[in-house]
N, C-alpha and C. Protein backbone atom coordinates (compact mmCIF):
# COMPACT_ATOMS: atom_id res chain seq x y z
N MET A 1 -34.72 -9.72 3.84
CA MET A 1 -34.18 -10.82 3.06
C MET A 1 -33.10 -10.28 2.12
N ALA A 2 -31.93 -10.89 2.15
CA ALA A 2 -30.82 -10.45 1.32
C ALA A 2 -30.99 -10.95 -0.10
N ILE A 3 -30.64 -10.09 -1.02
CA ILE A 3 -30.67 -10.45 -2.44
C ILE A 3 -29.24 -10.79 -2.82
N PRO A 4 -28.94 -12.08 -3.11
CA PRO A 4 -27.55 -12.50 -3.35
C PRO A 4 -26.83 -11.68 -4.41
N ALA A 5 -27.47 -11.41 -5.54
CA ALA A 5 -26.80 -10.67 -6.61
C ALA A 5 -26.46 -9.26 -6.15
N LEU A 6 -27.39 -8.61 -5.45
CA LEU A 6 -27.16 -7.26 -4.95
C LEU A 6 -26.07 -7.27 -3.88
N GLU A 7 -26.08 -8.27 -3.03
CA GLU A 7 -25.06 -8.40 -1.99
C GLU A 7 -23.68 -8.58 -2.62
N ARG A 8 -23.60 -9.39 -3.68
CA ARG A 8 -22.32 -9.62 -4.36
C ARG A 8 -21.81 -8.33 -4.97
N VAL A 9 -22.69 -7.56 -5.63
CA VAL A 9 -22.28 -6.29 -6.24
C VAL A 9 -21.80 -5.32 -5.17
N THR A 10 -22.52 -5.23 -4.06
CA THR A 10 -22.12 -4.35 -2.97
C THR A 10 -20.76 -4.77 -2.42
N ASN A 11 -20.57 -6.07 -2.19
CA ASN A 11 -19.28 -6.56 -1.70
C ASN A 11 -18.17 -6.29 -2.71
N ASP A 12 -18.44 -6.49 -4.00
CA ASP A 12 -17.44 -6.22 -5.04
C ASP A 12 -17.05 -4.75 -5.05
N ARG A 13 -18.04 -3.87 -4.91
CA ARG A 13 -17.74 -2.43 -4.91
C ARG A 13 -16.96 -2.03 -3.66
N THR A 14 -17.34 -2.59 -2.53
CA THR A 14 -16.61 -2.30 -1.29
C THR A 14 -15.17 -2.80 -1.40
N LEU A 15 -14.99 -3.98 -1.93
CA LEU A 15 -13.64 -4.52 -2.13
C LEU A 15 -12.85 -3.64 -3.08
N ALA A 16 -13.46 -3.25 -4.19
CA ALA A 16 -12.76 -2.41 -5.18
C ALA A 16 -12.37 -1.07 -4.58
N ALA A 17 -13.27 -0.45 -3.83
CA ALA A 17 -12.96 0.84 -3.20
C ALA A 17 -11.84 0.68 -2.17
N THR A 18 -11.88 -0.40 -1.43
CA THR A 18 -10.84 -0.64 -0.42
C THR A 18 -9.49 -0.89 -1.08
N VAL A 19 -9.49 -1.66 -2.16
CA VAL A 19 -8.24 -1.89 -2.90
C VAL A 19 -7.71 -0.57 -3.45
N ALA A 20 -8.59 0.28 -3.96
CA ALA A 20 -8.15 1.58 -4.51
C ALA A 20 -7.50 2.44 -3.43
N VAL A 21 -8.14 2.54 -2.27
CA VAL A 21 -7.58 3.32 -1.16
C VAL A 21 -6.24 2.71 -0.73
N HIS A 22 -6.22 1.39 -0.62
CA HIS A 22 -5.01 0.70 -0.19
C HIS A 22 -3.86 0.93 -1.17
N ALA A 23 -4.14 0.78 -2.45
CA ALA A 23 -3.09 0.96 -3.46
C ALA A 23 -2.58 2.40 -3.45
N ALA A 24 -3.48 3.37 -3.35
CA ALA A 24 -3.07 4.77 -3.34
C ALA A 24 -2.20 5.07 -2.11
N ALA A 25 -2.63 4.61 -0.95
CA ALA A 25 -1.87 4.85 0.28
C ALA A 25 -0.52 4.14 0.24
N THR A 26 -0.51 2.91 -0.23
CA THR A 26 0.73 2.14 -0.29
C THR A 26 1.71 2.79 -1.26
N MET A 27 1.23 3.19 -2.43
CA MET A 27 2.14 3.80 -3.40
C MET A 27 2.64 5.16 -2.92
N ALA A 28 1.81 5.89 -2.15
CA ALA A 28 2.29 7.14 -1.54
C ALA A 28 3.44 6.84 -0.58
N MET A 29 3.29 5.77 0.20
CA MET A 29 4.35 5.39 1.13
C MET A 29 5.60 4.90 0.40
N VAL A 30 5.42 4.20 -0.70
CA VAL A 30 6.57 3.75 -1.50
C VAL A 30 7.34 4.98 -2.01
N GLY A 31 6.62 5.95 -2.54
CA GLY A 31 7.28 7.17 -3.00
C GLY A 31 7.98 7.91 -1.88
N LEU A 32 7.32 8.00 -0.74
CA LEU A 32 7.90 8.69 0.41
C LEU A 32 9.16 7.98 0.91
N ILE A 33 9.11 6.67 1.04
CA ILE A 33 10.25 5.94 1.59
C ILE A 33 11.46 6.00 0.65
N TRP A 34 11.20 5.96 -0.67
CA TRP A 34 12.31 6.09 -1.62
C TRP A 34 12.91 7.49 -1.57
N THR A 35 12.07 8.52 -1.41
CA THR A 35 12.57 9.89 -1.30
C THR A 35 13.43 10.03 -0.05
N VAL A 36 12.96 9.48 1.05
CA VAL A 36 13.73 9.53 2.30
C VAL A 36 15.06 8.79 2.13
N GLN A 37 15.03 7.61 1.50
CA GLN A 37 16.25 6.79 1.36
C GLN A 37 17.27 7.43 0.43
N VAL A 38 16.80 7.99 -0.67
CA VAL A 38 17.73 8.48 -1.70
C VAL A 38 18.11 9.95 -1.51
N VAL A 39 17.18 10.75 -0.97
CA VAL A 39 17.42 12.19 -0.87
C VAL A 39 17.62 12.64 0.58
N HIS A 40 16.65 12.35 1.41
CA HIS A 40 16.60 12.97 2.74
C HIS A 40 17.66 12.43 3.71
N TYR A 41 17.70 11.14 3.95
CA TYR A 41 18.65 10.59 4.92
C TYR A 41 20.11 10.82 4.51
N PRO A 42 20.47 10.70 3.24
CA PRO A 42 21.87 10.99 2.89
C PRO A 42 22.30 12.43 3.21
N LEU A 43 21.33 13.35 3.25
CA LEU A 43 21.67 14.74 3.55
C LEU A 43 21.89 14.99 5.04
N PHE A 44 21.55 14.05 5.89
CA PHE A 44 21.74 14.23 7.34
C PHE A 44 23.19 14.59 7.66
N GLU A 45 24.14 13.98 6.95
CA GLU A 45 25.55 14.21 7.27
C GLU A 45 26.02 15.61 6.87
N SER A 46 25.20 16.35 6.12
CA SER A 46 25.57 17.69 5.66
C SER A 46 25.07 18.80 6.58
N VAL A 47 24.34 18.47 7.62
CA VAL A 47 23.69 19.48 8.47
C VAL A 47 24.70 20.23 9.34
N GLY A 48 25.69 19.56 9.82
CA GLY A 48 26.66 20.19 10.72
C GLY A 48 26.38 19.81 12.16
N ALA A 49 27.45 19.66 12.94
CA ALA A 49 27.36 19.13 14.31
C ALA A 49 26.51 20.02 15.22
N GLU A 50 26.67 21.32 15.12
CA GLU A 50 25.96 22.22 16.03
C GLU A 50 24.45 22.21 15.80
N ALA A 51 24.04 22.20 14.57
CA ALA A 51 22.61 22.28 14.24
C ALA A 51 21.92 20.91 14.22
N TYR A 52 22.71 19.84 14.23
CA TYR A 52 22.13 18.52 13.99
C TYR A 52 21.08 18.07 15.02
N PRO A 53 21.30 18.19 16.32
CA PRO A 53 20.27 17.71 17.26
C PRO A 53 18.89 18.37 17.02
N ASN A 54 18.87 19.67 16.80
CA ASN A 54 17.61 20.36 16.51
C ASN A 54 17.03 19.88 15.18
N TYR A 55 17.90 19.70 14.19
CA TYR A 55 17.45 19.21 12.88
C TYR A 55 16.81 17.83 13.02
N GLN A 56 17.44 16.93 13.75
CA GLN A 56 16.91 15.57 13.92
C GLN A 56 15.56 15.60 14.64
N SER A 57 15.45 16.43 15.66
CA SER A 57 14.19 16.56 16.39
C SER A 57 13.08 17.06 15.48
N ARG A 58 13.40 18.08 14.69
CA ARG A 58 12.40 18.63 13.76
C ARG A 58 12.05 17.61 12.67
N HIS A 59 13.04 16.85 12.23
CA HIS A 59 12.77 15.79 11.24
C HIS A 59 11.74 14.81 11.78
N ILE A 60 11.94 14.34 12.99
CA ILE A 60 11.03 13.35 13.58
C ILE A 60 9.61 13.91 13.65
N ASP A 61 9.47 15.15 14.10
CA ASP A 61 8.14 15.77 14.19
C ASP A 61 7.50 15.92 12.82
N ARG A 62 8.25 16.41 11.87
CA ARG A 62 7.67 16.72 10.55
C ARG A 62 7.40 15.47 9.72
N ILE A 63 8.28 14.50 9.77
CA ILE A 63 8.06 13.29 8.96
C ILE A 63 6.84 12.54 9.49
N GLY A 64 6.65 12.59 10.79
CA GLY A 64 5.47 11.96 11.37
C GLY A 64 4.18 12.57 10.84
N ALA A 65 4.17 13.89 10.71
CA ALA A 65 2.98 14.57 10.19
C ALA A 65 2.72 14.21 8.73
N VAL A 66 3.78 13.97 7.97
CA VAL A 66 3.63 13.63 6.55
C VAL A 66 3.13 12.20 6.37
N LEU A 67 3.61 11.28 7.19
CA LEU A 67 3.27 9.88 6.94
C LEU A 67 2.06 9.36 7.70
N VAL A 68 1.53 10.12 8.65
CA VAL A 68 0.44 9.60 9.48
C VAL A 68 -0.80 9.23 8.67
N VAL A 69 -1.18 10.04 7.69
CA VAL A 69 -2.40 9.75 6.92
C VAL A 69 -2.19 8.56 5.97
N PRO A 70 -1.18 8.59 5.08
CA PRO A 70 -1.06 7.43 4.19
C PRO A 70 -0.74 6.13 4.92
N TRP A 71 0.09 6.19 5.96
CA TRP A 71 0.42 4.97 6.69
C TRP A 71 -0.79 4.46 7.46
N GLY A 72 -1.56 5.39 8.01
CA GLY A 72 -2.79 5.00 8.70
C GLY A 72 -3.80 4.37 7.75
N LEU A 73 -3.99 4.99 6.58
CA LEU A 73 -4.91 4.43 5.58
C LEU A 73 -4.42 3.08 5.09
N GLU A 74 -3.12 2.97 4.92
CA GLU A 74 -2.54 1.70 4.48
C GLU A 74 -2.83 0.59 5.49
N GLY A 75 -2.64 0.90 6.76
CA GLY A 75 -2.89 -0.09 7.80
C GLY A 75 -4.35 -0.46 7.93
N LEU A 76 -5.23 0.54 7.95
CA LEU A 76 -6.67 0.27 8.06
C LEU A 76 -7.18 -0.51 6.85
N SER A 77 -6.70 -0.14 5.67
CA SER A 77 -7.21 -0.80 4.46
C SER A 77 -6.71 -2.24 4.35
N ILE A 78 -5.50 -2.54 4.83
CA ILE A 78 -5.05 -3.94 4.74
C ILE A 78 -5.84 -4.80 5.73
N VAL A 79 -6.20 -4.24 6.88
CA VAL A 79 -7.05 -4.99 7.82
C VAL A 79 -8.41 -5.24 7.18
N ALA A 80 -8.97 -4.21 6.53
CA ALA A 80 -10.26 -4.37 5.85
C ALA A 80 -10.16 -5.42 4.74
N LEU A 81 -9.06 -5.42 4.00
CA LEU A 81 -8.89 -6.39 2.92
C LEU A 81 -8.77 -7.82 3.45
N LEU A 82 -8.17 -7.98 4.61
CA LEU A 82 -8.10 -9.31 5.21
C LEU A 82 -9.51 -9.83 5.52
N VAL A 83 -10.42 -8.92 5.83
CA VAL A 83 -11.81 -9.30 6.11
C VAL A 83 -12.62 -9.46 4.83
N LEU A 84 -12.43 -8.54 3.87
CA LEU A 84 -13.27 -8.50 2.67
C LEU A 84 -12.89 -9.51 1.59
N ALA A 85 -11.61 -9.85 1.50
CA ALA A 85 -11.14 -10.71 0.41
C ALA A 85 -11.71 -12.11 0.56
N ARG A 86 -12.48 -12.53 -0.44
CA ARG A 86 -13.09 -13.86 -0.40
C ARG A 86 -12.45 -14.79 -1.43
N GLU A 87 -12.06 -14.22 -2.54
CA GLU A 87 -11.42 -15.02 -3.58
C GLU A 87 -10.01 -15.38 -3.12
N ARG A 88 -9.58 -16.59 -3.44
CA ARG A 88 -8.30 -17.11 -2.95
C ARG A 88 -7.13 -16.18 -3.30
N THR A 89 -7.04 -15.76 -4.55
CA THR A 89 -5.91 -14.92 -4.97
C THR A 89 -5.87 -13.63 -4.17
N MET A 90 -7.02 -13.00 -4.00
CA MET A 90 -7.06 -11.74 -3.25
C MET A 90 -6.73 -11.97 -1.77
N ARG A 91 -7.16 -13.09 -1.22
CA ARG A 91 -6.84 -13.40 0.18
C ARG A 91 -5.33 -13.59 0.35
N VAL A 92 -4.72 -14.31 -0.58
CA VAL A 92 -3.27 -14.54 -0.52
C VAL A 92 -2.53 -13.20 -0.60
N LEU A 93 -2.97 -12.33 -1.51
CA LEU A 93 -2.33 -11.02 -1.63
C LEU A 93 -2.52 -10.19 -0.36
N ALA A 94 -3.71 -10.23 0.22
CA ALA A 94 -3.96 -9.48 1.46
C ALA A 94 -3.07 -9.99 2.60
N VAL A 95 -2.93 -11.30 2.71
CA VAL A 95 -2.07 -11.87 3.75
C VAL A 95 -0.61 -11.49 3.50
N ALA A 96 -0.18 -11.56 2.24
CA ALA A 96 1.20 -11.17 1.91
C ALA A 96 1.44 -9.70 2.24
N GLY A 97 0.49 -8.84 1.88
CA GLY A 97 0.61 -7.42 2.19
C GLY A 97 0.65 -7.16 3.69
N ALA A 98 -0.19 -7.87 4.43
CA ALA A 98 -0.21 -7.71 5.89
C ALA A 98 1.11 -8.20 6.51
N ALA A 99 1.63 -9.30 6.00
CA ALA A 99 2.90 -9.83 6.51
C ALA A 99 4.04 -8.84 6.26
N LEU A 100 4.06 -8.25 5.06
CA LEU A 100 5.08 -7.25 4.75
C LEU A 100 4.93 -6.03 5.65
N MET A 101 3.68 -5.62 5.89
CA MET A 101 3.47 -4.48 6.79
C MET A 101 3.95 -4.81 8.20
N GLY A 102 3.70 -6.03 8.64
CA GLY A 102 4.19 -6.45 9.95
C GLY A 102 5.71 -6.38 10.04
N LEU A 103 6.38 -6.81 8.98
CA LEU A 103 7.85 -6.74 8.95
C LEU A 103 8.32 -5.29 8.97
N ILE A 104 7.63 -4.43 8.22
CA ILE A 104 8.00 -3.00 8.21
C ILE A 104 7.87 -2.42 9.61
N LEU A 105 6.77 -2.72 10.28
CA LEU A 105 6.57 -2.22 11.64
C LEU A 105 7.64 -2.75 12.58
N LEU A 106 7.98 -4.01 12.44
CA LEU A 106 9.00 -4.62 13.28
C LEU A 106 10.36 -3.95 13.07
N VAL A 107 10.76 -3.79 11.81
CA VAL A 107 12.04 -3.13 11.50
C VAL A 107 12.03 -1.70 12.02
N THR A 108 10.90 -1.02 11.87
CA THR A 108 10.79 0.36 12.35
C THR A 108 10.97 0.43 13.86
N MET A 109 10.26 -0.43 14.58
CA MET A 109 10.27 -0.38 16.05
C MET A 109 11.59 -0.83 16.66
N ILE A 110 12.17 -1.91 16.12
CA ILE A 110 13.37 -2.44 16.79
C ILE A 110 14.69 -1.97 16.19
N TRP A 111 14.63 -1.30 15.03
CA TRP A 111 15.88 -0.92 14.38
C TRP A 111 15.92 0.57 14.06
N ALA A 112 14.98 1.05 13.24
CA ALA A 112 15.05 2.43 12.76
C ALA A 112 14.73 3.46 13.85
N ALA A 113 13.64 3.27 14.59
CA ALA A 113 13.25 4.25 15.61
C ALA A 113 14.32 4.42 16.70
N PRO A 114 14.90 3.33 17.22
CA PRO A 114 15.96 3.53 18.21
C PRO A 114 17.17 4.32 17.67
N VAL A 115 17.49 4.12 16.40
CA VAL A 115 18.60 4.87 15.81
C VAL A 115 18.26 6.36 15.75
N HIS A 116 17.02 6.68 15.38
CA HIS A 116 16.60 8.08 15.39
C HIS A 116 16.75 8.66 16.80
N GLY A 117 16.40 7.86 17.80
CA GLY A 117 16.57 8.31 19.19
C GLY A 117 18.02 8.61 19.52
N GLU A 118 18.92 7.75 19.07
CA GLU A 118 20.36 7.97 19.30
C GLU A 118 20.84 9.23 18.58
N LEU A 119 20.32 9.47 17.40
CA LEU A 119 20.76 10.63 16.61
C LEU A 119 20.24 11.95 17.18
N LEU A 120 19.28 11.91 18.11
CA LEU A 120 18.83 13.14 18.77
C LEU A 120 19.95 13.78 19.59
N ASP A 121 20.92 12.97 20.02
CA ASP A 121 22.05 13.49 20.80
C ASP A 121 23.11 14.15 19.92
N GLY A 122 23.03 13.95 18.62
CA GLY A 122 24.00 14.52 17.70
C GLY A 122 24.33 13.53 16.60
N PHE A 123 24.90 14.05 15.52
CA PHE A 123 25.21 13.20 14.38
C PHE A 123 26.34 12.25 14.74
N ASP A 124 26.15 10.99 14.41
CA ASP A 124 27.15 9.94 14.61
C ASP A 124 27.20 9.15 13.30
N PRO A 125 28.36 9.15 12.61
CA PRO A 125 28.44 8.46 11.32
C PRO A 125 28.04 6.99 11.38
N GLU A 126 28.40 6.29 12.45
CA GLU A 126 28.02 4.88 12.57
C GLU A 126 26.51 4.72 12.72
N GLN A 127 25.90 5.57 13.54
CA GLN A 127 24.44 5.51 13.70
C GLN A 127 23.75 5.88 12.38
N HIS A 128 24.31 6.84 11.68
CA HIS A 128 23.75 7.23 10.39
C HIS A 128 23.81 6.08 9.40
N ASP A 129 24.94 5.38 9.37
CA ASP A 129 25.06 4.20 8.50
C ASP A 129 24.01 3.14 8.88
N THR A 130 23.82 2.94 10.17
CA THR A 130 22.81 1.98 10.63
C THR A 130 21.42 2.43 10.19
N LEU A 131 21.16 3.72 10.29
CA LEU A 131 19.86 4.25 9.84
C LEU A 131 19.68 4.00 8.34
N MET A 132 20.72 4.23 7.56
CA MET A 132 20.63 4.02 6.11
C MET A 132 20.35 2.55 5.78
N VAL A 133 20.99 1.64 6.49
CA VAL A 133 20.77 0.21 6.24
C VAL A 133 19.37 -0.20 6.67
N SER A 134 18.96 0.22 7.86
CA SER A 134 17.62 -0.15 8.34
C SER A 134 16.55 0.43 7.41
N ASN A 135 16.77 1.63 6.93
CA ASN A 135 15.78 2.22 6.04
C ASN A 135 15.81 1.58 4.66
N LEU A 136 16.96 1.08 4.23
CA LEU A 136 17.01 0.34 2.96
C LEU A 136 16.15 -0.92 3.07
N VAL A 137 16.22 -1.60 4.19
CA VAL A 137 15.38 -2.78 4.40
C VAL A 137 13.91 -2.37 4.33
N ARG A 138 13.55 -1.29 5.01
CA ARG A 138 12.16 -0.81 4.98
C ARG A 138 11.76 -0.40 3.56
N THR A 139 12.67 0.23 2.84
CA THR A 139 12.40 0.65 1.46
C THR A 139 12.10 -0.55 0.57
N LEU A 140 12.91 -1.59 0.70
CA LEU A 140 12.69 -2.80 -0.10
C LEU A 140 11.38 -3.49 0.28
N LEU A 141 11.09 -3.55 1.58
CA LEU A 141 9.83 -4.15 2.02
C LEU A 141 8.63 -3.34 1.51
N TRP A 142 8.72 -2.02 1.56
CA TRP A 142 7.61 -1.20 1.07
C TRP A 142 7.47 -1.30 -0.45
N THR A 143 8.58 -1.44 -1.13
CA THR A 143 8.51 -1.63 -2.58
C THR A 143 7.79 -2.94 -2.89
N ALA A 144 8.09 -3.97 -2.13
CA ALA A 144 7.38 -5.25 -2.29
C ALA A 144 5.90 -5.07 -2.00
N ARG A 145 5.57 -4.28 -0.96
CA ARG A 145 4.16 -3.99 -0.65
C ARG A 145 3.49 -3.28 -1.83
N GLY A 146 4.22 -2.37 -2.46
CA GLY A 146 3.68 -1.70 -3.63
C GLY A 146 3.36 -2.69 -4.74
N GLY A 147 4.24 -3.67 -4.93
CA GLY A 147 3.98 -4.71 -5.92
C GLY A 147 2.74 -5.52 -5.58
N VAL A 148 2.57 -5.84 -4.30
CA VAL A 148 1.38 -6.58 -3.86
C VAL A 148 0.12 -5.74 -4.09
N ALA A 149 0.18 -4.47 -3.75
CA ALA A 149 -0.98 -3.59 -3.95
C ALA A 149 -1.34 -3.48 -5.43
N MET A 150 -0.33 -3.38 -6.29
CA MET A 150 -0.61 -3.32 -7.72
C MET A 150 -1.15 -4.65 -8.24
N ALA A 151 -0.70 -5.75 -7.65
CA ALA A 151 -1.25 -7.06 -8.03
C ALA A 151 -2.73 -7.14 -7.67
N MET A 152 -3.11 -6.55 -6.53
CA MET A 152 -4.53 -6.52 -6.15
C MET A 152 -5.35 -5.74 -7.18
N VAL A 153 -4.82 -4.61 -7.61
CA VAL A 153 -5.50 -3.81 -8.64
C VAL A 153 -5.62 -4.63 -9.92
N TRP A 154 -4.54 -5.31 -10.29
CA TRP A 154 -4.53 -6.15 -11.50
C TRP A 154 -5.60 -7.23 -11.41
N VAL A 155 -5.70 -7.89 -10.27
CA VAL A 155 -6.71 -8.95 -10.09
C VAL A 155 -8.11 -8.38 -10.29
N LEU A 156 -8.38 -7.22 -9.70
CA LEU A 156 -9.70 -6.61 -9.86
C LEU A 156 -9.97 -6.22 -11.31
N LEU A 157 -8.97 -5.65 -11.97
CA LEU A 157 -9.15 -5.26 -13.38
C LEU A 157 -9.36 -6.49 -14.26
N ALA A 158 -8.61 -7.55 -14.00
CA ALA A 158 -8.77 -8.78 -14.78
C ALA A 158 -10.15 -9.38 -14.55
N ARG A 159 -10.61 -9.35 -13.31
CA ARG A 159 -11.94 -9.88 -13.00
C ARG A 159 -13.01 -9.05 -13.72
N GLN A 160 -12.86 -7.74 -13.72
CA GLN A 160 -13.83 -6.87 -14.39
C GLN A 160 -13.82 -7.12 -15.89
N THR A 161 -12.64 -7.26 -16.48
CA THR A 161 -12.52 -7.54 -17.90
C THR A 161 -13.16 -8.88 -18.23
N ASP A 162 -12.90 -9.89 -17.41
CA ASP A 162 -13.50 -11.21 -17.62
C ASP A 162 -15.02 -11.14 -17.53
N SER A 163 -15.52 -10.36 -16.59
CA SER A 163 -16.96 -10.22 -16.40
C SER A 163 -17.61 -9.55 -17.61
N VAL A 164 -16.97 -8.49 -18.13
CA VAL A 164 -17.50 -7.80 -19.31
C VAL A 164 -17.46 -8.72 -20.52
N THR A 165 -16.36 -9.45 -20.70
CA THR A 165 -16.23 -10.38 -21.82
C THR A 165 -17.29 -11.47 -21.74
N LYS A 166 -17.50 -12.01 -20.55
CA LYS A 166 -18.50 -13.06 -20.36
C LYS A 166 -19.91 -12.52 -20.66
N THR A 167 -20.22 -11.33 -20.19
CA THR A 167 -21.53 -10.72 -20.44
C THR A 167 -21.73 -10.50 -21.93
N THR A 168 -20.70 -10.02 -22.61
CA THR A 168 -20.79 -9.77 -24.05
C THR A 168 -21.04 -11.08 -24.80
N ARG A 169 -20.33 -12.14 -24.43
CA ARG A 169 -20.54 -13.44 -25.08
C ARG A 169 -21.96 -13.95 -24.84
N GLU A 170 -22.44 -13.81 -23.60
CA GLU A 170 -23.79 -14.27 -23.28
C GLU A 170 -24.83 -13.48 -24.07
N GLU A 171 -24.60 -12.20 -24.22
CA GLU A 171 -25.55 -11.37 -24.99
C GLU A 171 -25.58 -11.80 -26.45
N ARG A 172 -24.43 -12.16 -26.99
CA ARG A 172 -24.38 -12.61 -28.39
C ARG A 172 -25.12 -13.92 -28.58
N ARG A 173 -25.06 -14.80 -27.59
CA ARG A 173 -25.71 -16.10 -27.69
C ARG A 173 -27.20 -16.04 -27.38
N SER A 174 -27.62 -15.05 -26.67
CA SER A 174 -29.01 -14.97 -26.23
C SER A 174 -29.94 -14.72 -27.40
N PRO A 175 -31.05 -15.47 -27.49
CA PRO A 175 -32.01 -15.24 -28.57
C PRO A 175 -32.65 -13.86 -28.48
N ASP A 176 -32.67 -13.30 -27.29
CA ASP A 176 -33.25 -11.96 -27.13
C ASP A 176 -32.38 -10.88 -27.75
N SER A 177 -31.11 -11.18 -27.95
CA SER A 177 -30.22 -10.16 -28.48
C SER A 177 -30.16 -10.17 -30.01
N VAL A 178 -30.77 -11.17 -30.64
CA VAL A 178 -30.80 -11.23 -32.10
C VAL A 178 -31.95 -10.38 -32.60
N PRO A 179 -31.68 -9.44 -33.48
CA PRO A 179 -32.77 -8.60 -33.98
C PRO A 179 -33.77 -9.44 -34.79
N HIS A 180 -35.03 -9.22 -34.53
CA HIS A 180 -36.09 -9.93 -35.24
C HIS A 180 -36.56 -9.07 -36.42
N GLN A 181 -36.75 -9.74 -37.53
CA GLN A 181 -37.29 -9.02 -38.69
C GLN A 181 -38.79 -9.24 -38.73
N ASP A 182 -39.47 -8.18 -38.92
CA ASP A 182 -40.92 -8.26 -38.99
C ASP A 182 -41.29 -8.65 -40.41
N ARG A 183 -42.03 -9.75 -40.59
CA ARG A 183 -42.36 -10.24 -41.92
C ARG A 183 -43.79 -9.88 -42.32
N HIS A 184 -44.37 -8.94 -41.76
CA HIS A 184 -45.75 -8.58 -42.11
C HIS A 184 -45.82 -7.77 -43.34
């Protein structure tokens, strides 16, 4: 037999842990994508024509190793949040986050990844410009995802604060919480 209060606490803790993992993974990806956009991709044009194909190939291998864990956690946790979120606000945020992730995947598959494939043949300024634009779109989408993830954290913190405030008020009103004076 399920105990509703215990079940609610377990669900709340599972939701909170999932939001924490999701926010950490998402913010790691936000930091990574901004670093790539502002530092890494602009340096592609400085590599030199002879070394560039090898550089691009190594970039693809190495960046994949860096992003596989946070991006994987981000994806798994947003799916979990779509299942776990019961409160309307959290459900809306989970759907918004999932939609943004879908857009990021779409831009990656149909725009950014093919450009990386073209750049394996050698540096091309036009392809590089296309890569910069496609990655700017991904950067802005991931930044929006970071905002959604932080909103999820905010909702949980506000709920916890409201719960503590409500408990404190109830304790003040409860006759059991008033100290009794012994008149003997």
